[in-house]
Amino acid sequence: MKKKLPILITFLVIGLTLVQLVLTHRLATAGEAIGELEIETSRLEKKNELIKQGITQLGSLRRISQEAEKLGFVRNNSLLHLTPEIPVAMNY
């Protein structure tokens, strides 16, 4: 029994060392993947910001006015106000 105990402890230490090695490798690999995902997230956030700026520029009133002039639209300065008619039900 006393001779088997050191052998058992040796195998246990070797086994636990191998388990620790495997877990360390998995953790390092997962850390690398997380780093790559963070870089991709940062890149996409920058791209998203550029797209938002483009949408804002395209939707500005000055740009829309310029595009309307290019297409031949003209500004109408005279206003026509329509007065509402009295509904038929109110006539009686």
PDB file of N, CA and C in Angstrom:
ATOM      1  N   MET A   1       0.828  -1.190   0.000  1.00  0.00           N
ATOM      2  CA  MET A   1       0.000   0.000   0.000  1.00  0.00           C
ATOM      3  C   MET A   1       0.868   1.248   0.000  1.00  0.00           C
ATOM      4  N   LYS A   2       1.946   1.232   0.789  1.00  0.00           N
ATOM      5  CA  LYS A   2       2.800   2.407   0.872  1.00  0.00           C
ATOM      6  C   LYS A   2       3.590   2.601  -0.414  1.00  0.00           C
ATOM      7  N   LYS A   3       3.866   1.551  -1.178  1.00  0.00           N
ATOM      8  CA  LYS A   3       4.586   1.682  -2.436  1.00  0.00           C
ATOM      9  C   LYS A   3       3.669   2.205  -3.540  1.00  0.00           C
ATOM     10  N   LYS A   4       2.395   1.923  -3.461  1.00  0.00           N
ATOM     11  CA  LYS A   4       1.444   2.346  -4.478  1.00  0.00           C
ATOM     12  C   LYS A   4       1.072   3.823  -4.322  1.00  0.00           C
ATOM     13  N   LEU A   5       1.155   4.361  -3.139  1.00  0.00           N
ATOM     14  CA  LEU A   5       0.762   5.739  -2.879  1.00  0.00           C
ATOM     15  C   LEU A   5       1.626   6.738  -3.653  1.00  0.00           C
ATOM     16  N   PRO A   6       2.954   6.639  -3.664  1.00  0.00           N
ATOM     17  CA  PRO A   6       3.749   7.584  -4.461  1.00  0.00           C
ATOM     18  C   PRO A   6       3.468   7.475  -5.958  1.00  0.00           C
ATOM     19  N   ILE A   7       3.216   6.275  -6.452  1.00  0.00           N
ATOM     20  CA  ILE A   7       2.895   6.092  -7.876  1.00  0.00           C
ATOM     21  C   ILE A   7       1.552   6.743  -8.187  1.00  0.00           C
ATOM     22  N   LEU A   8       0.576   6.559  -7.326  1.00  0.00           N
ATOM     23  CA  LEU A   8      -0.743   7.162  -7.500  1.00  0.00           C
ATOM     24  C   LEU A   8      -0.640   8.680  -7.480  1.00  0.00           C
ATOM     25  N   ILE A   9       0.129   9.218  -6.548  1.00  0.00           N
ATOM     26  CA  ILE A   9       0.304  10.675  -6.477  1.00  0.00           C
ATOM     27  C   ILE A   9       1.005  11.189  -7.723  1.00  0.00           C
ATOM     28  N   THR A  10       1.979  10.478  -8.236  1.00  0.00           N
ATOM     29  CA  THR A  10       2.692  10.875  -9.442  1.00  0.00           C
ATOM     30  C   THR A  10       1.745  10.921 -10.638  1.00  0.00           C
ATOM     31  N   PHE A  11       0.937   9.882 -10.813  1.00  0.00           N
ATOM     32  CA  PHE A  11      -0.030   9.870 -11.920  1.00  0.00           C
ATOM     33  C   PHE A  11      -1.075  10.968 -11.757  1.00  0.00           C
ATOM     34  N   LEU A  12      -1.476  11.218 -10.539  1.00  0.00           N
ATOM     35  CA  LEU A  12      -2.451  12.277 -10.271  1.00  0.00           C
ATOM     36  C   LEU A  12      -1.868  13.643 -10.626  1.00  0.00           C
ATOM     37  N   VAL A  13      -0.632  13.899 -10.249  1.00  0.00           N
ATOM     38  CA  VAL A  13       0.026  15.174 -10.565  1.00  0.00           C
ATOM     39  C   VAL A  13       0.183  15.319 -12.072  1.00  0.00           C
ATOM     40  N   ILE A  14       0.606  14.246 -12.743  1.00  0.00           N
ATOM     41  CA  ILE A  14       0.755  14.292 -14.208  1.00  0.00           C
ATOM     42  C   ILE A  14      -0.601  14.535 -14.868  1.00  0.00           C
ATOM     43  N   GLY A  15      -1.624  13.852 -14.404  1.00  0.00           N
ATOM     44  CA  GLY A  15      -2.968  14.018 -14.971  1.00  0.00           C
ATOM     45  C   GLY A  15      -3.489  15.437 -14.777  1.00  0.00           C
ATOM     46  N   LEU A  16      -3.330  15.975 -13.582  1.00  0.00           N
ATOM     47  CA  LEU A  16      -3.793  17.334 -13.318  1.00  0.00           C
ATOM     48  C   LEU A  16      -2.987  18.371 -14.100  1.00  0.00           C
ATOM     49  N   THR A  17      -1.709  18.107 -14.302  1.00  0.00           N
ATOM     50  CA  THR A  17      -0.885  19.002 -15.110  1.00  0.00           C
ATOM     51  C   THR A  17      -1.361  19.014 -16.552  1.00  0.00           C
ATOM     52  N   LEU A  18      -1.699  17.850 -17.086  1.00  0.00           N
ATOM     53  CA  LEU A  18      -2.221  17.782 -18.456  1.00  0.00           C
ATOM     54  C   LEU A  18      -3.566  18.498 -18.574  1.00  0.00           C
ATOM     55  N   VAL A  19      -4.416  18.338 -17.582  1.00  0.00           N
ATOM     56  CA  VAL A  19      -5.716  19.030 -17.593  1.00  0.00           C
ATOM     57  C   VAL A  19      -5.490  20.537 -17.576  1.00  0.00           C
ATOM     58  N   GLN A  20      -4.559  21.000 -16.725  1.00  0.00           N
ATOM     59  CA  GLN A  20      -4.262  22.423 -16.663  1.00  0.00           C
ATOM     60  C   GLN A  20      -3.710  22.915 -17.990  1.00  0.00           C
ATOM     61  N   LEU A  21      -2.879  22.146 -18.647  1.00  0.00           N
ATOM     62  CA  LEU A  21      -2.314  22.515 -19.939  1.00  0.00           C
ATOM     63  C   LEU A  21      -3.409  22.669 -20.993  1.00  0.00           C
ATOM     64  N   VAL A  22      -4.334  21.721 -21.017  1.00  0.00           N
ATOM     65  CA  VAL A  22      -5.437  21.779 -21.981  1.00  0.00           C
ATOM     66  C   VAL A  22      -6.315  23.000 -21.719  1.00  0.00           C
ATOM     67  N   LEU A  23      -6.640  23.226 -20.462  1.00  0.00           N
ATOM     68  CA  LEU A  23      -7.487  24.380 -20.124  1.00  0.00           C
ATOM     69  C   LEU A  23      -6.794  25.701 -20.435  1.00  0.00           C
ATOM     70  N   THR A  24      -5.500  25.784 -20.203  1.00  0.00           N
ATOM     71  CA  THR A  24      -4.747  26.999 -20.522  1.00  0.00           C
ATOM     72  C   THR A  24      -4.755  27.250 -22.021  1.00  0.00           C
ATOM     73  N   HIS A  25      -4.597  26.195 -22.797  1.00  0.00           N
ATOM     74  CA  HIS A  25      -4.619  26.332 -24.258  1.00  0.00           C
ATOM     75  C   HIS A  25      -5.987  26.830 -24.727  1.00  0.00           C
ATOM     76  N   ARG A  26      -7.047  26.258 -24.199  1.00  0.00           N
ATOM     77  CA  ARG A  26      -8.400  26.686 -24.580  1.00  0.00           C
ATOM     78  C   ARG A  26      -8.641  28.147 -24.199  1.00  0.00           C
ATOM     79  N   LEU A  27      -8.179  28.534 -23.034  1.00  0.00           N
ATOM     80  CA  LEU A  27      -8.356  29.909 -22.585  1.00  0.00           C
ATOM     81  C   LEU A  27      -7.599  30.876 -23.484  1.00  0.00           C
ATOM     82  N   ALA A  28      -6.392  30.517 -23.857  1.00  0.00           N
ATOM     83  CA  ALA A  28      -5.601  31.379 -24.746  1.00  0.00           C
ATOM     84  C   ALA A  28      -6.272  31.502 -26.108  1.00  0.00           C
ATOM     85  N   THR A  29      -6.782  30.408 -26.626  1.00  0.00           N
ATOM     86  CA  THR A  29      -7.461  30.428 -27.919  1.00  0.00           C
ATOM     87  C   THR A  29      -8.723  31.278 -27.841  1.00  0.00           C
ATOM     88  N   ALA A  30      -9.482  31.135 -26.765  1.00  0.00           N
ATOM     89  CA  ALA A  30     -10.696  31.935 -26.594  1.00  0.00           C
ATOM     90  C   ALA A  30     -10.343  33.415 -26.464  1.00  0.00           C
ATOM     91  N   GLY A  31      -9.269  33.730 -25.777  1.00  0.00           N
ATOM     92  CA  GLY A  31      -8.839  35.124 -25.647  1.00  0.00           C
ATOM     93  C   GLY A  31      -8.470  35.729 -26.987  1.00  0.00           C
ATOM     94  N   GLU A  32      -7.824  34.947 -27.824  1.00  0.00           N
ATOM     95  CA  GLU A  32      -7.466  35.426 -29.160  1.00  0.00           C
ATOM     96  C   GLU A  32      -8.724  35.679 -29.987  1.00  0.00           C
ATOM     97  N   ALA A  33      -9.677  34.780 -29.907  1.00  0.00           N
ATOM     98  CA  ALA A  33     -10.934  34.953 -30.644  1.00  0.00           C
ATOM     99  C   ALA A  33     -11.676  36.187 -30.153  1.00  0.00           C
ATOM    100  N   ILE A  34     -11.679  36.418 -28.855  1.00  0.00           N
ATOM    101  CA  ILE A  34     -12.342  37.597 -28.301  1.00  0.00           C
ATOM    102  C   ILE A  34     -11.658  38.864 -28.797  1.00  0.00           C
ATOM    103  N   GLY A  35     -10.331  38.845 -28.843  1.00  0.00           N
ATOM    104  CA  GLY A  35      -9.592  40.001 -29.362  1.00  0.00           C
ATOM    105  C   GLY A  35      -9.955  40.302 -30.799  1.00  0.00           C
ATOM    106  N   GLU A  36     -10.054  39.272 -31.625  1.00  0.00           N
ATOM    107  CA  GLU A  36     -10.436  39.459 -33.033  1.00  0.00           C
ATOM    108  C   GLU A  36     -11.852  40.010 -33.138  1.00  0.00           C
ATOM    109  N   LEU A  37     -12.755  39.521 -32.299  1.00  0.00           N
ATOM    110  CA  LEU A  37     -14.131  40.017 -32.323  1.00  0.00           C
ATOM    111  C   LEU A  37     -14.210  41.476 -31.869  1.00  0.00           C
ATOM    112  N   GLU A  38     -13.389  41.863 -30.908  1.00  0.00           N
ATOM    113  CA  GLU A  38     -13.368  43.260 -30.465  1.00  0.00           C
ATOM    114  C   GLU A  38     -12.863  44.172 -31.578  1.00  0.00           C
ATOM    115  N   ILE A  39     -11.856  43.722 -32.319  1.00  0.00           N
ATOM    116  CA  ILE A  39     -11.352  44.507 -33.447  1.00  0.00           C
ATOM    117  C   ILE A  39     -12.431  44.644 -34.513  1.00  0.00           C
ATOM    118  N   GLU A  40     -13.120  43.561 -34.805  1.00  0.00           N
ATOM    119  CA  GLU A  40     -14.203  43.594 -35.804  1.00  0.00           C
ATOM    120  C   GLU A  40     -15.338  44.501 -35.343  1.00  0.00           C
ATOM    121  N   THR A  41     -15.659  44.452 -34.059  1.00  0.00           N
ATOM    122  CA  THR A  41     -16.709  45.320 -33.515  1.00  0.00           C
ATOM    123  C   THR A  41     -16.326  46.785 -33.668  1.00  0.00           C
ATOM    124  N   SER A  42     -15.090  47.105 -33.364  1.00  0.00           N
ATOM    125  CA  SER A  42     -14.609  48.480 -33.502  1.00  0.00           C
ATOM    126  C   SER A  42     -14.677  48.937 -34.956  1.00  0.00           C
ATOM    127  N   ARG A  43     -14.277  48.068 -35.873  1.00  0.00           N
ATOM    128  CA  ARG A  43     -14.318  48.410 -37.298  1.00  0.00           C
ATOM    129  C   ARG A  43     -15.748  48.663 -37.760  1.00  0.00           C
ATOM    130  N   LEU A  44     -16.667  47.820 -37.318  1.00  0.00           N
ATOM    131  CA  LEU A  44     -18.063  47.980 -37.722  1.00  0.00           C
ATOM    132  C   LEU A  44     -18.694  49.224 -37.107  1.00  0.00           C
ATOM    133  N   GLU A  45     -18.307  49.569 -35.884  1.00  0.00           N
ATOM    134  CA  GLU A  45     -18.828  50.786 -35.261  1.00  0.00           C
ATOM    135  C   GLU A  45     -18.362  52.021 -36.033  1.00  0.00           C
ATOM    136  N   LYS A  46     -17.103  52.036 -36.472  1.00  0.00           N
ATOM    137  CA  LYS A  46     -16.599  53.157 -37.268  1.00  0.00           C
ATOM    138  C   LYS A  46     -17.334  53.242 -38.596  1.00  0.00           C
ATOM    139  N   LYS A  47     -17.549  52.088 -39.227  1.00  0.00           N
ATOM    140  CA  LYS A  47     -18.266  52.062 -40.505  1.00  0.00           C
ATOM    141  C   LYS A  47     -19.700  52.551 -40.320  1.00  0.00           C
ATOM    142  N   ASN A  48     -20.323  52.146 -39.236  1.00  0.00           N
ATOM    143  CA  ASN A  48     -21.685  52.570 -38.940  1.00  0.00           C
ATOM    144  C   ASN A  48     -21.755  54.080 -38.749  1.00  0.00           C
ATOM    145  N   GLU A  49     -20.772  54.649 -38.073  1.00  0.00           N
ATOM    146  CA  GLU A  49     -20.735  56.097 -37.862  1.00  0.00           C
ATOM    147  C   GLU A  49     -20.587  56.835 -39.187  1.00  0.00           C
ATOM    148  N   LEU A  50     -19.744  56.318 -40.083  1.00  0.00           N
ATOM    149  CA  LEU A  50     -19.586  56.937 -41.400  1.00  0.00           C
ATOM    150  C   LEU A  50     -20.889  56.879 -42.198  1.00  0.00           C
ATOM    151  N   ILE A  51     -21.592  55.769 -42.097  1.00  0.00           N
ATOM    152  CA  ILE A  51     -22.873  55.632 -42.805  1.00  0.00           C
ATOM    153  C   ILE A  51     -23.896  56.616 -42.240  1.00  0.00           C
ATOM    154  N   LYS A  52     -23.918  56.772 -40.916  1.00  0.00           N
ATOM    155  CA  LYS A  52     -24.838  57.742 -40.300  1.00  0.00           C
ATOM    156  C   LYS A  52     -24.542  59.158 -40.774  1.00  0.00           C
ATOM    157  N   GLN A  53     -23.252  59.488 -40.867  1.00  0.00           N
ATOM    158  CA  GLN A  53     -22.880  60.819 -41.348  1.00  0.00           C
ATOM    159  C   GLN A  53     -23.313  61.006 -42.796  1.00  0.00           C
ATOM    160  N   GLY A  54     -23.154  59.964 -43.603  1.00  0.00           N
ATOM    161  CA  GLY A  54     -23.591  60.036 -45.000  1.00  0.00           C
ATOM    162  C   GLY A  54     -25.093  60.239 -45.121  1.00  0.00           C
ATOM    163  N   ILE A  55     -25.845  59.557 -44.285  1.00  0.00           N
ATOM    164  CA  ILE A  55     -27.305  59.704 -44.305  1.00  0.00           C
ATOM    165  C   ILE A  55     -27.688  61.128 -43.907  1.00  0.00           C
ATOM    166  N   THR A  56     -27.005  61.664 -42.896  1.00  0.00           N
ATOM    167  CA  THR A  56     -27.291  63.030 -42.449  1.00  0.00           C
ATOM    168  C   THR A  56     -26.997  64.023 -43.560  1.00  0.00           C
ATOM    169  N   GLN A  57     -25.884  63.848 -44.253  1.00  0.00           N
ATOM    170  CA  GLN A  57     -25.537  64.761 -45.342  1.00  0.00           C
ATOM    171  C   GLN A  57     -26.526  64.650 -46.495  1.00  0.00           C
ATOM    172  N   LEU A  58     -26.920  63.439 -46.828  1.00  0.00           N
ATOM    173  CA  LEU A  58     -27.856  63.256 -47.946  1.00  0.00           C
ATOM    174  C   LEU A  58     -29.241  63.796 -47.612  1.00  0.00           C
ATOM    175  N   GLY A  59     -29.596  63.815 -46.346  1.00  0.00           N
ATOM    176  CA  GLY A  59     -30.923  64.274 -45.950  1.00  0.00           C
ATOM    177  C   GLY A  59     -30.989  65.742 -45.586  1.00  0.00           C
ATOM    178  N   SER A  60     -29.884  66.461 -45.713  1.00  0.00           N
ATOM    179  CA  SER A  60     -29.899  67.877 -45.342  1.00  0.00           C
ATOM    180  C   SER A  60     -30.767  68.667 -46.319  1.00  0.00           C
ATOM    181  N   LEU A  61     -31.402  69.700 -45.803  1.00  0.00           N
ATOM    182  CA  LEU A  61     -32.309  70.504 -46.634  1.00  0.00           C
ATOM    183  C   LEU A  61     -31.557  71.207 -47.769  1.00  0.00           C
ATOM    184  N   ARG A  62     -30.333  71.638 -47.499  1.00  0.00           N
ATOM    185  CA  ARG A  62     -29.563  72.316 -48.536  1.00  0.00           C
ATOM    186  C   ARG A  62     -29.286  71.366 -49.696  1.00  0.00           C
ATOM    187  N   ARG A  63     -28.913  70.133 -49.390  1.00  0.00           N
ATOM    188  CA  ARG A  63     -28.621  69.168 -50.454  1.00  0.00           C
ATOM    189  C   ARG A  63     -29.885  68.812 -51.232  1.00  0.00           C
ATOM    190  N   ILE A  64     -30.980  68.633 -50.518  1.00  0.00           N
ATOM    191  CA  ILE A  64     -32.247  68.314 -51.194  1.00  0.00           C
ATOM    192  C   ILE A  64     -32.653  69.469 -52.103  1.00  0.00           C
ATOM    193  N   SER A  65     -32.450  70.703 -51.630  1.00  0.00           N
ATOM    194  CA  SER A  65     -32.771  71.874 -52.452  1.00  0.00           C
ATOM    195  C   SER A  65     -31.902  71.911 -53.711  1.00  0.00           C
ATOM    196  N   GLN A  66     -30.619  71.629 -53.579  1.00  0.00           N
ATOM    197  CA  GLN A  66     -29.725  71.605 -54.730  1.00  0.00           C
ATOM    198  C   GLN A  66     -30.127  70.517 -55.724  1.00  0.00           C
ATOM    199  N   GLU A  67     -30.463  69.347 -55.217  1.00  0.00           N
ATOM    200  CA  GLU A  67     -30.895  68.257 -56.100  1.00  0.00           C
ATOM    201  C   GLU A  67     -32.197  68.614 -56.809  1.00  0.00           C
ATOM    202  N   ALA A  68     -33.108  69.280 -56.107  1.00  0.00           N
ATOM    203  CA  ALA A  68     -34.375  69.681 -56.726  1.00  0.00           C
ATOM    204  C   ALA A  68     -34.122  70.673 -57.857  1.00  0.00           C
ATOM    205  N   GLU A  69     -33.199  71.609 -57.644  1.00  0.00           N
ATOM    206  CA  GLU A  69     -32.871  72.571 -58.699  1.00  0.00           C
ATOM    207  C   GLU A  69     -32.253  71.861 -59.904  1.00  0.00           C
ATOM    208  N   LYS A  70     -31.399  70.880 -59.667  1.00  0.00           N
ATOM    209  CA  LYS A  70     -30.787  70.123 -60.766  1.00  0.00           C
ATOM    210  C   LYS A  70     -31.849  69.393 -61.584  1.00  0.00           C
ATOM    211  N   LEU A  71     -32.905  68.940 -60.894  1.00  0.00           N
ATOM    212  CA  LEU A  71     -33.968  68.198 -61.584  1.00  0.00           C
ATOM    213  C   LEU A  71     -35.002  69.119 -62.222  1.00  0.00           C
ATOM    214  N   GLY A  72     -34.826  70.434 -62.065  1.00  0.00           N
ATOM    215  CA  GLY A  72     -35.729  71.370 -62.725  1.00  0.00           C
ATOM    216  C   GLY A  72     -36.870  71.860 -61.858  1.00  0.00           C
ATOM    217  N   PHE A  73     -36.868  71.541 -60.604  1.00  0.00           N
ATOM    218  CA  PHE A  73     -37.905  72.052 -59.720  1.00  0.00           C
ATOM    219  C   PHE A  73     -37.617  73.525 -59.433  1.00  0.00           C
ATOM    220  N   VAL A  74     -38.674  74.310 -59.296  1.00  0.00           N
ATOM    221  CA  VAL A  74     -38.517  75.734 -58.978  1.00  0.00           C
ATOM    222  C   VAL A  74     -39.263  76.033 -57.691  1.00  0.00           C
ATOM    223  N   ARG A  75     -38.785  77.061 -56.998  1.00  0.00           N
ATOM    224  CA  ARG A  75     -39.417  77.470 -55.744  1.00  0.00           C
ATOM    225  C   ARG A  75     -40.637  78.315 -56.084  1.00  0.00           C
ATOM    226  N   ASN A  76     -41.755  77.993 -55.484  1.00  0.00           N
ATOM    227  CA  ASN A  76     -42.985  78.735 -55.681  1.00  0.00           C
ATOM    228  C   ASN A  76     -43.173  79.648 -54.476  1.00  0.00           C
ATOM    229  N   ASN A  77     -43.100  80.953 -54.719  1.00  0.00           N
ATOM    230  CA  ASN A  77     -43.211  81.906 -53.625  1.00  0.00           C
ATOM    231  C   ASN A  77     -44.640  82.337 -53.341  1.00  0.00           C
ATOM    232  N   SER A  78     -45.560  82.047 -54.254  1.00  0.00           N
ATOM    233  CA  SER A  78     -46.951  82.432 -54.003  1.00  0.00           C
ATOM    234  C   SER A  78     -47.666  81.284 -53.292  1.00  0.00           C
ATOM    235  N   LEU A  79     -48.396  81.656 -52.265  1.00  0.00           N
ATOM    236  CA  LEU A  79     -49.115  80.657 -51.485  1.00  0.00           C
ATOM    237  C   LEU A  79     -50.593  80.714 -51.809  1.00  0.00           C
ATOM    238  N   LEU A  80     -51.233  79.608 -51.824  1.00  0.00           N
ATOM    239  CA  LEU A  80     -52.663  79.522 -52.065  1.00  0.00           C
ATOM    240  C   LEU A  80     -53.298  78.919 -50.827  1.00  0.00           C
ATOM    241  N   HIS A  81     -54.149  79.675 -50.174  1.00  0.00           N
ATOM    242  CA  HIS A  81     -54.830  79.194 -48.979  1.00  0.00           C
ATOM    243  C   HIS A  81     -56.233  78.761 -49.354  1.00  0.00           C
ATOM    244  N   LEU A  82     -56.583  77.589 -49.004  1.00  0.00           N
ATOM    245  CA  LEU A  82     -57.924  77.078 -49.275  1.00  0.00           C
ATOM    246  C   LEU A  82     -58.746  77.195 -48.005  1.00  0.00           C
ATOM    247  N   THR A  83     -59.927  77.754 -48.147  1.00  0.00           N
ATOM    248  CA  THR A  83     -60.817  77.844 -46.987  1.00  0.00           C
ATOM    249  C   THR A  83     -61.699  76.617 -46.990  1.00  0.00           C
ATOM    250  N   PRO A  84     -61.865  76.022 -45.861  1.00  0.00           N
ATOM    251  CA  PRO A  84     -62.694  74.808 -45.823  1.00  0.00           C
ATOM    252  C   PRO A  84     -64.168  75.153 -46.024  1.00  0.00           C
ATOM    253  N   GLU A  85     -64.829  74.308 -46.784  1.00  0.00           N
ATOM    254  CA  GLU A  85     -66.269  74.484 -46.989  1.00  0.00           C
ATOM    255  C   GLU A  85     -67.007  73.959 -45.771  1.00  0.00           C
ATOM    256  N   ILE A  86     -68.174  74.487 -45.549  1.00  0.00           N
ATOM    257  CA  ILE A  86     -68.983  74.008 -44.442  1.00  0.00           C
ATOM    258  C   ILE A  86     -69.537  72.643 -44.841  1.00  0.00           C
ATOM    259  N   PRO A  87     -69.387  71.651 -43.988  1.00  0.00           N
ATOM    260  CA  PRO A  87     -69.907  70.331 -44.318  1.00  0.00           C
ATOM    261  C   PRO A  87     -71.422  70.369 -44.524  1.00  0.00           C
ATOM    262  N   VAL A  88     -71.902  69.474 -45.361  1.00  0.00           N
ATOM    263  CA  VAL A  88     -73.319  69.421 -45.710  1.00  0.00           C
ATOM    264  C   VAL A  88     -74.160  69.231 -44.449  1.00  0.00           C
ATOM    265  N   ALA A  89     -73.737  68.480 -43.522  1.00  0.00           N
ATOM    266  CA  ALA A  89     -74.502  68.224 -42.313  1.00  0.00           C
ATOM    267  C   ALA A  89     -74.672  69.496 -41.488  1.00  0.00           C
ATOM    268  N   MET A  90     -73.768  70.463 -41.634  1.00  0.00           N
ATOM    269  CA  MET A  90     -73.856  71.701 -40.864  1.00  0.00           C
ATOM    270  C   MET A  90     -74.819  72.690 -41.503  1.00  0.00           C
ATOM    271  N   ASN A  91     -75.212  72.501 -42.774  1.00  0.00           N
ATOM    272  CA  ASN A  91     -76.096  73.426 -43.482  1.00  0.00           C
ATOM    273  C   ASN A  91     -77.529  73.356 -42.935  1.00  0.00           C
ATOM    274  N   TYR A  92     -77.921  72.320 -42.294  1.00  0.00           N
ATOM    275  CA  TYR A  92     -79.310  72.190 -41.869  1.00  0.00           C
ATOM    276  C   TYR A  92     -79.529  72.572 -40.465  1.00  0.00           C
TER     277      TYR A  92
END
